[in-house]
Amino acid sequence: MITMVYLLKVNVLLAVFYGFYRLLFTRDTFFVWRRVVLLLMAAAALTIPLADLSWWVASHEQTANLAEVYQEVMLPTVTITGTEARFPWLRLFTLLYMGGVGVLLARLAWQLTTIVRMTRSAELAADKVFRLKDSTCPFSFFRWIFVNPQAQSEEQLLEIMTHERAHVEQWHSLDIVLMELLAIACWPNPFAWLMRREVRLNLEYLADERVVEAGSERKAYQYHLLGLAYGKNVATVCNNFNVLPLKLRIRMMNKKRTNSWLRAKYLLLVPVIGVALVACNLDKKTAEPATAAEQAQTDSAAGKPMMVGVTVDGTPAQDEAQAEGSVVQGEVFDVVEQMPWFPGGQQELMNFLMKNIKYPKEATDKGTQGRVVVQFVVNKDGSVVEPTVVKSVSPELDQEALRVVKMMPKWQPGKQNGEVVRVKYTIPVSFRLQ
């Protein structure tokens, strides 16, 4: 589930970044800047969900309030298999997703193998330049260039070599392989493929610009591109000379160069990444205490949620009543520097909830299910008091959630400015019939 949450965040960020890129950057001629921004967006989408800014979220009251709303609505749940037969949608989706990744990785491996085989079968014309014998369109891959001199005039061959050397010298194949892997990892997301397309198209803009700057006549070069429009391409993972859409490449070559002062708009990426960082950390309001900093860092890197939600199955209920602990008077904090910590850590809290929460039989008979959110206070002595249902589903489910919260052992209390304080804590419990 944690991996699923990470992938969900990555895919949402890719969609946001792609929309931002299309809105601001696709009409200018700052191709080098575009390349940097596209790579930064891909890197940000992969790393932001792993970043831990819970310390910053906790220090800002308004952000902390957003975190509280987020945790009640968006937190993932741990599912315990129920007794009723139900179609395993999550398992089916996982199998389909992994199957798609496997097929696409096999396709990529086949393309790479094809290119390597061509280096062995094609004639070496010069250093890292191979002579093709069929109608395959000219292309390059990392340091290798493949051309067919017999199919081109001397002037056209010069244009091709200038174009492909631009790809080689600027290491465009690295961008393509990285974006190919990102698209494979996020293959159900159309925005991942659209981002990949923008990267490839921008690399062609850079190579076309090199050809024009080298002195080739613009119109003649464009007709040359059109003449190769239907050539056979070896693989999508290489830099094909005739990569489509040619209409956009020709339009960009004819476009007036963008005013240099407009480069300032690229600075807008900084606040966008900042907002994304905060948004992806809204579920980390209740981080583990500073005394367990190393463990907290490990959990964050692994993408573990900082709050716990539990889904329980339709096992009969236990209607045991528990006495509420004594209330210690004093100020109650929503967020503190060192949040309360369940004995044994986050995983032990999850285990405790899954072991003790039972589905009330009355709720099972009625088919009642839903998400109960329980809020309580961890006292200075670590006792759990004042449990309250802040989001109700039904009396039966509410009482069961309260029952288990009341039977919790003492926590490690929270601290603010080095002093032990009373801290409010929230746990969502999702009751779901399987």
Protein backbone atom coordinates (compact mmCIF):
# COMPACT_ATOMS: atom_id res chain seq x y z
CA MET A 1 0.00 0.00 0.00
CA ILE A 2 2.86 2.35 0.80
CA THR A 3 4.32 1.78 -2.67
CA MET A 4 0.89 2.46 -4.16
CA VAL A 5 0.67 5.77 -2.30
CA TYR A 6 4.14 6.75 -3.53
CA LEU A 7 3.23 5.89 -7.13
CA LEU A 8 -0.02 7.82 -6.82
CA LYS A 9 1.84 10.92 -5.67
CA VAL A 10 4.41 10.57 -8.46
CA ASN A 11 1.69 10.31 -11.09
CA VAL A 12 -0.25 13.28 -9.72
CA LEU A 13 2.93 15.37 -9.70
CA LEU A 14 3.70 14.37 -13.29
CA ALA A 15 0.24 15.57 -14.34
CA VAL A 16 0.70 18.88 -12.49
CA PHE A 17 4.20 19.48 -13.86
CA TYR A 18 3.15 18.59 -17.41
CA GLY A 19 0.27 21.07 -17.26
CA PHE A 20 2.63 23.74 -15.90
CA TYR A 21 5.15 23.05 -18.68
CA ARG A 22 2.52 23.18 -21.43
CA LEU A 23 1.10 26.39 -20.04
CA LEU A 24 4.35 28.37 -19.84
CA PHE A 25 7.21 26.87 -21.81
CA THR A 26 6.08 25.25 -25.08
CA ARG A 27 5.95 28.47 -27.12
CA ASP A 28 9.45 29.84 -26.50
CA THR A 29 12.79 28.97 -28.15
CA PHE A 30 14.85 28.46 -24.99
CA PHE A 31 15.48 24.81 -25.78
CA VAL A 32 18.38 24.35 -23.36
CA TRP A 33 16.31 25.82 -20.53
CA ARG A 34 13.42 23.60 -21.50
CA ARG A 35 15.63 20.54 -21.31
CA VAL A 36 16.77 21.45 -17.80
CA VAL A 37 13.21 22.15 -16.65
CA LEU A 38 11.86 18.88 -18.02
CA LEU A 39 14.58 16.88 -16.28
CA LEU A 40 14.02 18.81 -13.05
CA MET A 41 10.30 18.10 -13.22
CA ALA A 42 10.90 14.38 -13.69
CA ALA A 43 13.40 14.31 -10.82
CA ALA A 44 11.06 16.34 -8.59
CA ALA A 45 8.12 14.01 -9.28
CA LEU A 46 10.23 11.03 -8.17
CA THR A 47 11.86 12.59 -5.10
CA ILE A 48 9.28 14.96 -3.61
CA PRO A 49 7.04 12.11 -2.30
CA LEU A 50 10.10 10.79 -0.42
CA ALA A 51 11.01 14.12 1.17
CA ASP A 52 10.16 14.64 4.84
CA LEU A 53 9.20 18.20 5.76
CA SER A 54 7.06 17.24 8.74
CA TRP A 55 9.20 19.48 10.97
CA TRP A 56 8.26 22.46 8.79
CA VAL A 57 4.60 21.48 8.56
CA ALA A 58 4.42 21.14 12.33
CA SER A 59 5.94 24.61 12.86
CA HIS A 60 3.28 26.39 10.78
CA GLU A 61 -0.20 26.43 12.28
CA GLN A 62 -2.14 26.91 9.04
CA THR A 63 -0.23 24.11 7.34
CA ALA A 64 -0.78 21.88 10.36
CA ASN A 65 -4.53 22.47 10.09
CA LEU A 66 -4.38 21.42 6.45
CA ALA A 67 -2.50 18.32 7.56
CA GLU A 68 -5.32 17.42 9.94
CA VAL A 69 -7.88 17.65 7.15
CA TYR A 70 -5.61 15.66 4.85
CA GLN A 71 -5.05 12.85 7.33
CA GLU A 72 -8.79 12.39 7.82
CA VAL A 73 -9.50 12.16 4.11
CA MET A 74 -6.43 10.81 2.31
CA LEU A 75 -4.56 8.47 4.69
CA PRO A 76 -4.02 4.92 3.39
CA THR A 77 -5.46 1.96 5.27
CA VAL A 78 -4.21 -1.51 6.13
CA THR A 79 -6.60 -4.17 4.85
CA ILE A 80 -7.34 -7.37 6.78
CA THR A 81 -8.88 -10.08 4.60
CA GLY A 82 -12.55 -10.57 5.31
CA THR A 83 -14.61 -13.72 5.37
CA GLU A 84 -17.03 -12.79 2.59
CA ALA A 85 -16.06 -13.45 -1.02
CA ARG A 86 -15.30 -10.29 -2.91
CA PHE A 87 -13.57 -9.62 -6.20
CA PRO A 88 -9.92 -8.73 -5.47
CA TRP A 89 -9.74 -5.46 -7.36
CA LEU A 90 -6.51 -4.32 -5.73
CA ARG A 91 -4.75 -7.57 -6.52
CA LEU A 92 -6.04 -7.48 -10.10
CA PHE A 93 -4.81 -3.90 -10.55
CA THR A 94 -1.41 -4.84 -9.11
CA LEU A 95 -1.11 -7.80 -11.47
CA LEU A 96 -2.13 -5.68 -14.47
CA TYR A 97 0.28 -2.91 -13.47
CA MET A 98 3.22 -5.28 -12.96
CA GLY A 99 2.33 -7.10 -16.17
CA GLY A 100 2.39 -3.82 -18.10
CA VAL A 101 5.74 -2.88 -16.57
CA GLY A 102 7.13 -6.29 -17.48
CA VAL A 103 5.95 -6.08 -21.10
CA LEU A 104 7.33 -2.56 -21.55
CA LEU A 105 10.66 -3.47 -19.96
CA ALA A 106 10.91 -6.46 -22.29
CA ARG A 107 10.16 -4.14 -25.23
CA LEU A 108 12.89 -1.74 -24.09
CA ALA A 109 15.36 -4.61 -23.68
CA TRP A 110 14.52 -5.83 -27.19
CA GLN A 111 15.13 -2.36 -28.63
CA LEU A 112 18.49 -2.03 -26.88
CA THR A 113 19.48 -5.50 -28.08
CA THR A 114 18.54 -4.59 -31.64
CA ILE A 115 20.77 -1.50 -31.55
CA VAL A 116 23.72 -3.44 -30.10
CA ARG A 117 23.32 -6.11 -32.79
CA MET A 118 23.40 -3.43 -35.47
CA THR A 119 26.83 -2.31 -34.26
CA ARG A 120 28.05 -5.83 -35.01
CA SER A 121 26.35 -6.29 -38.37
CA ALA A 122 26.70 -2.78 -39.83
CA GLU A 123 29.92 -1.61 -41.49
CA LEU A 124 32.04 0.76 -39.42
CA ALA A 125 32.59 3.82 -41.67
CA ALA A 126 34.36 6.02 -39.12
CA ASP A 127 34.87 6.28 -35.38
CA LYS A 128 31.47 5.35 -33.85
CA VAL A 129 29.74 5.93 -37.24
CA PHE A 130 28.11 2.88 -38.84
CA ARG A 131 26.95 2.53 -42.45
CA LEU A 132 23.42 1.20 -42.93
CA LYS A 133 22.54 -0.88 -45.98
CA ASP A 134 18.75 -0.79 -45.89
CA SER A 135 16.04 1.89 -45.75
CA THR A 136 16.37 2.40 -42.01
CA CYS A 137 16.17 6.07 -41.10
CA PRO A 138 19.41 7.64 -39.76
CA PHE A 139 19.61 7.63 -35.97
CA SER A 140 22.01 7.87 -33.05
CA PHE A 141 22.25 6.24 -29.65
CA PHE A 142 24.70 7.61 -27.10
CA ARG A 143 28.08 7.67 -28.98
CA TRP A 144 26.93 5.63 -31.99
CA ILE A 145 25.63 7.16 -35.24
CA PHE A 146 23.95 5.09 -37.99
CA VAL A 147 23.55 6.52 -41.52
CA ASN A 148 23.03 5.31 -45.08
CA PRO A 149 25.36 7.37 -47.33
CA GLN A 150 24.02 5.80 -50.55
CA ALA A 151 20.48 7.04 -49.83
CA GLN A 152 21.47 10.67 -49.29
CA SER A 153 23.17 13.43 -51.26
CA GLU A 154 26.40 14.89 -49.93
CA GLU A 155 24.60 17.99 -48.64
CA GLN A 156 21.88 15.93 -46.95
CA LEU A 157 24.45 13.62 -45.40
CA LEU A 158 26.21 16.66 -43.92
CA GLU A 159 22.92 17.83 -42.39
CA ILE A 160 22.25 14.38 -40.95
CA MET A 161 25.71 14.14 -39.42
CA THR A 162 25.41 17.62 -37.92
CA HIS A 163 22.02 16.74 -36.48
CA GLU A 164 23.09 13.40 -35.02
CA ARG A 165 26.38 14.75 -33.65
CA ALA A 166 24.34 17.32 -31.73
CA HIS A 167 22.48 14.42 -30.11
CA VAL A 168 25.73 12.62 -29.36
CA GLU A 169 27.69 15.59 -28.00
CA GLN A 170 24.84 16.76 -25.76
CA TRP A 171 24.07 13.25 -24.43
CA HIS A 172 20.45 13.34 -25.53
CA SER A 173 20.17 9.56 -25.35
CA LEU A 174 20.52 9.76 -21.57
CA ASP A 175 17.39 11.95 -21.36
CA ILE A 176 15.50 9.55 -23.60
CA VAL A 177 16.40 6.42 -21.62
CA LEU A 178 15.55 8.08 -18.29
CA MET A 179 12.17 9.28 -19.56
CA GLU A 180 11.51 5.88 -21.11
CA LEU A 181 12.04 4.24 -17.71
CA LEU A 182 9.83 6.84 -16.02
CA ALA A 183 7.06 6.25 -18.57
CA ILE A 184 7.34 2.50 -18.02
CA ALA A 185 7.09 2.89 -14.24
CA CYS A 186 4.01 5.12 -14.66
CA TRP A 187 2.60 3.49 -17.79
CA PRO A 188 -1.13 3.79 -16.85
CA ASN A 189 -0.66 7.58 -16.56
CA PRO A 190 -1.01 9.36 -19.95
CA PHE A 191 0.84 12.38 -18.60
CA ALA A 192 4.01 10.29 -18.18
CA TRP A 193 3.95 9.50 -21.91
CA LEU A 194 3.14 13.10 -22.77
CA MET A 195 6.11 14.25 -20.68
CA ARG A 196 8.30 11.71 -22.49
CA ARG A 197 7.07 13.08 -25.81
CA GLU A 198 7.92 16.66 -24.81
CA VAL A 199 11.44 15.61 -23.85
CA ARG A 200 12.02 13.88 -27.19
CA LEU A 201 10.54 16.75 -29.16
CA ASN A 202 12.66 19.34 -27.37
CA LEU A 203 15.81 17.30 -28.07
CA GLU A 204 14.94 17.42 -31.77
CA TYR A 205 14.53 21.20 -31.52
CA LEU A 206 18.05 21.39 -30.09
CA ALA A 207 19.51 19.23 -32.88
CA ASP A 208 17.59 21.11 -35.61
CA GLU A 209 18.88 24.39 -34.18
CA ARG A 210 22.44 23.10 -34.46
CA VAL A 211 21.92 22.25 -38.16
CA VAL A 212 20.54 25.72 -38.95
CA GLU A 213 23.32 27.43 -36.97
CA ALA A 214 25.89 25.37 -38.92
CA GLY A 215 24.80 27.15 -42.11
CA SER A 216 22.33 24.76 -43.73
CA GLU A 217 19.59 26.43 -45.75
CA ARG A 218 16.45 26.30 -43.63
CA LYS A 219 13.92 25.44 -46.37
CA ALA A 220 16.12 22.79 -47.96
CA TYR A 221 16.65 21.13 -44.61
CA GLN A 222 12.91 21.11 -43.93
CA TYR A 223 12.21 19.46 -47.30
CA HIS A 224 14.88 16.92 -46.45
CA LEU A 225 13.03 16.11 -43.21
CA LEU A 226 9.78 15.70 -45.11
CA GLY A 227 11.48 13.33 -47.54
CA LEU A 228 12.48 11.05 -44.66
CA ALA A 229 9.13 11.25 -42.89
CA TYR A 230 8.17 7.67 -43.75
CA GLY A 231 11.53 6.01 -43.22
CA LYS A 232 11.75 2.94 -41.02
CA ASN A 233 12.77 3.63 -37.43
CA VAL A 234 14.78 1.09 -35.46
CA ALA A 235 13.47 1.87 -31.97
CA THR A 236 11.76 4.57 -29.96
CA VAL A 237 14.63 4.63 -27.47
CA CYS A 238 17.11 6.14 -29.96
CA ASN A 239 17.36 9.60 -31.57
CA ASN A 240 15.66 9.13 -34.95
CA PHE A 241 16.42 11.80 -37.54
CA ASN A 242 12.80 11.94 -38.72
CA VAL A 243 11.07 11.75 -35.34
CA LEU A 244 7.51 13.07 -35.58
CA PRO A 245 5.68 15.41 -35.48
CA LEU A 246 7.63 17.19 -38.21
CA LYS A 247 5.04 19.95 -38.40
CA LEU A 248 6.01 21.17 -34.92
CA ARG A 249 9.73 20.96 -35.71
CA ILE A 250 9.34 22.96 -38.90
CA ARG A 251 7.16 25.54 -37.16
CA MET A 252 9.74 25.92 -34.38
CA MET A 253 12.59 26.36 -36.88
CA ASN A 254 10.65 29.19 -38.54
CA LYS A 255 9.68 30.80 -35.26
CA LYS A 256 11.20 34.13 -34.25
CA ARG A 257 13.68 33.77 -31.38
CA THR A 258 12.08 34.52 -28.01
CA ASN A 259 13.11 37.68 -26.13
CA SER A 260 15.87 36.78 -23.67
CA TRP A 261 14.19 38.55 -20.72
CA LEU A 262 11.41 35.95 -20.83
CA ARG A 263 13.84 33.44 -19.34
CA ALA A 264 12.77 34.85 -15.99
CA LYS A 265 9.53 32.86 -16.21
CA TYR A 266 11.52 29.67 -15.61
CA LEU A 267 12.00 30.83 -12.02
CA LEU A 268 8.29 30.11 -11.50
CA LEU A 269 9.22 26.44 -11.27
CA VAL A 270 10.70 27.09 -7.81
CA PRO A 271 7.40 28.01 -6.06
CA VAL A 272 5.60 25.19 -7.91
CA ILE A 273 8.07 22.65 -6.53
CA GLY A 274 7.74 24.28 -3.09
CA VAL A 275 3.96 23.91 -3.12
CA ALA A 276 4.32 20.30 -4.26
CA LEU A 277 6.72 19.62 -1.37
CA VAL A 278 4.26 20.98 1.17
CA ALA A 279 1.30 19.17 -0.40
CA CYS A 280 3.11 15.82 -0.29
CA ASN A 281 4.00 16.34 3.38
CA LEU A 282 0.52 17.13 4.65
CA ASP A 283 0.15 13.52 5.78
CA LYS A 284 3.31 13.73 7.90
CA LYS A 285 2.06 16.03 10.59
CA THR A 286 2.56 13.47 13.33
CA ALA A 287 6.17 12.47 12.86
CA GLU A 288 8.07 10.21 15.22
CA PRO A 289 9.93 11.92 18.09
CA ALA A 290 13.35 13.52 17.80
CA THR A 291 14.81 10.85 20.08
CA ALA A 292 14.00 8.35 17.32
CA ALA A 293 15.27 10.56 14.50
CA GLU A 294 17.11 7.79 12.75
CA GLN A 295 14.03 5.56 12.68
CA ALA A 296 11.85 8.43 11.48
CA GLN A 297 14.26 9.15 8.65
CA THR A 298 14.20 5.49 7.62
CA ASP A 299 10.40 5.37 7.68
CA SER A 300 10.13 8.56 5.65
CA ALA A 301 12.56 7.30 3.02
CA ALA A 302 10.51 4.13 2.74
CA GLY A 303 7.35 6.17 2.29
CA LYS A 304 5.68 5.00 5.52
CA PRO A 305 2.63 7.07 6.52
CA MET A 306 2.98 9.07 9.69
CA MET A 307 -0.60 8.28 10.79
CA VAL A 308 -2.36 4.97 10.85
CA GLY A 309 -5.62 3.82 9.30
CA VAL A 310 -6.91 0.30 9.72
CA THR A 311 -9.52 -1.62 7.77
CA VAL A 312 -11.11 -4.47 9.69
CA ASP A 313 -13.13 -7.39 8.42
CA GLY A 314 -16.45 -8.89 9.40
CA THR A 315 -15.32 -10.91 12.43
CA PRO A 316 -17.86 -10.86 15.36
CA ALA A 317 -17.45 -8.02 17.84
CA GLN A 318 -16.28 -8.05 21.42
CA ASP A 319 -18.39 -5.68 23.49
CA GLU A 320 -15.99 -5.19 26.36
CA ALA A 321 -16.10 -1.86 28.15
CA GLN A 322 -12.93 -0.12 29.25
CA ALA A 323 -12.60 2.52 31.89
CA GLU A 324 -11.35 5.86 30.67
CA GLY A 325 -8.10 7.02 32.24
CA SER A 326 -7.84 10.01 34.49
CA VAL A 327 -7.64 13.40 32.81
CA VAL A 328 -4.61 15.53 33.55
CA GLN A 329 -5.45 19.19 33.28
CA GLY A 330 -3.30 21.49 31.17
CA GLU A 331 -2.94 22.95 27.72
CA VAL A 332 -3.51 20.51 24.85
CA PHE A 333 -1.27 20.93 21.80
CA ASP A 334 -2.22 19.95 18.27
CA VAL A 335 1.39 19.76 17.03
CA VAL A 336 4.59 19.76 19.05
CA GLU A 337 8.28 19.41 18.35
CA GLN A 338 8.30 15.79 19.55
CA MET A 339 5.01 14.05 18.91
CA PRO A 340 3.72 11.21 21.14
CA TRP A 341 4.99 7.78 20.19
CA PHE A 342 3.28 4.41 20.59
CA PRO A 343 5.46 1.83 22.42
CA GLY A 344 7.47 0.01 19.78
CA GLY A 345 6.83 2.55 17.06
CA GLN A 346 4.45 2.99 14.16
CA GLN A 347 4.36 -0.66 13.13
CA GLU A 348 3.47 -1.79 16.64
CA LEU A 349 0.58 0.70 16.68
CA MET A 350 -0.71 -0.78 13.45
CA ASN A 351 -0.33 -4.31 14.83
CA PHE A 352 -2.20 -3.34 18.00
CA LEU A 353 -5.13 -1.91 16.08
CA MET A 354 -5.37 -4.83 13.66
CA LYS A 355 -5.23 -7.34 16.50
CA ASN A 356 -7.84 -5.74 18.72
CA ILE A 357 -10.42 -4.11 16.46
CA LYS A 358 -13.35 -6.43 15.74
CA TYR A 359 -16.29 -5.89 13.46
CA PRO A 360 -19.50 -5.55 15.57
CA LYS A 361 -21.95 -8.31 14.65
CA GLU A 362 -24.87 -5.86 14.60
CA ALA A 363 -23.02 -3.72 12.05
CA THR A 364 -22.19 -6.84 10.02
CA ASP A 365 -25.86 -7.88 9.96
CA LYS A 366 -26.87 -4.40 8.80
CA GLY A 367 -24.09 -4.20 6.25
CA THR A 368 -22.81 -1.00 7.84
CA GLN A 369 -19.33 0.13 6.84
CA GLY A 370 -17.36 3.35 6.67
CA ARG A 371 -14.52 5.41 8.11
CA VAL A 372 -14.54 6.38 11.78
CA VAL A 373 -12.06 9.05 12.90
CA VAL A 374 -11.16 8.99 16.60
CA GLN A 375 -9.32 11.80 18.33
CA PHE A 376 -7.75 11.50 21.77
CA VAL A 377 -5.23 13.18 24.06
CA VAL A 378 -1.93 11.67 25.16
CA ASN A 379 -1.34 12.89 28.71
CA LYS A 380 1.96 13.93 30.24
CA ASP A 381 2.24 10.47 31.79
CA GLY A 382 1.55 8.82 28.41
CA SER A 383 -2.00 7.71 29.23
CA VAL A 384 -4.65 7.92 26.50
CA VAL A 385 -7.64 10.02 27.59
CA GLU A 386 -10.60 11.94 26.22
CA PRO A 387 -11.24 9.70 23.19
CA THR A 388 -13.82 11.31 20.94
CA VAL A 389 -15.34 10.37 17.60
CA VAL A 390 -14.80 13.35 15.30
CA LYS A 391 -16.20 11.57 12.26
CA SER A 392 -19.03 9.12 12.90
CA VAL A 393 -20.43 6.26 10.84
CA SER A 394 -22.82 4.41 13.17
CA PRO A 395 -23.13 3.88 16.93
CA GLU A 396 -21.82 0.31 16.67
CA LEU A 397 -18.71 1.16 14.68
CA ASP A 398 -18.07 4.33 16.69
CA GLN A 399 -18.16 2.41 19.98
CA GLU A 400 -15.83 -0.31 18.68
CA ALA A 401 -13.24 2.27 17.59
CA LEU A 402 -13.52 4.02 20.97
CA ARG A 403 -13.25 0.70 22.81
CA VAL A 404 -9.91 -0.16 21.27
CA VAL A 405 -8.52 3.34 21.71
CA LYS A 406 -9.41 3.23 25.41
CA MET A 407 -7.51 -0.03 25.91
CA MET A 408 -4.26 1.32 24.48
CA PRO A 409 -1.16 1.10 26.70
CA LYS A 410 0.66 4.24 27.73
CA TRP A 411 2.46 6.15 25.00
CA GLN A 412 5.74 7.99 25.11
CA PRO A 413 4.42 11.54 25.74
CA GLY A 414 5.04 14.50 23.48
CA LYS A 415 7.43 17.33 24.22
CA GLN A 416 7.52 21.02 23.42
CA ASN A 417 10.63 23.11 24.18
CA GLY A 418 11.99 20.16 26.14
CA GLU A 419 8.96 19.91 28.45
CA VAL A 420 6.41 17.07 28.53
CA VAL A 421 3.00 18.31 27.34
CA ARG A 422 -0.46 17.00 26.50
CA VAL A 423 -0.90 16.37 22.77
CA LYS A 424 -3.94 15.66 20.62
CA TYR A 425 -3.70 12.65 18.26
CA THR A 426 -6.03 11.40 15.53
CA ILE A 427 -6.49 7.88 14.16
CA PRO A 428 -8.79 6.99 11.21
CA VAL A 429 -10.33 3.49 11.36
CA SER A 430 -11.95 2.19 8.19
CA PHE A 431 -14.53 -0.57 8.69
CA ARG A 432 -15.09 -2.44 5.44
CA LEU A 433 -16.98 -5.66 4.75
CA GLN A 434 -15.02 -7.92 2.44
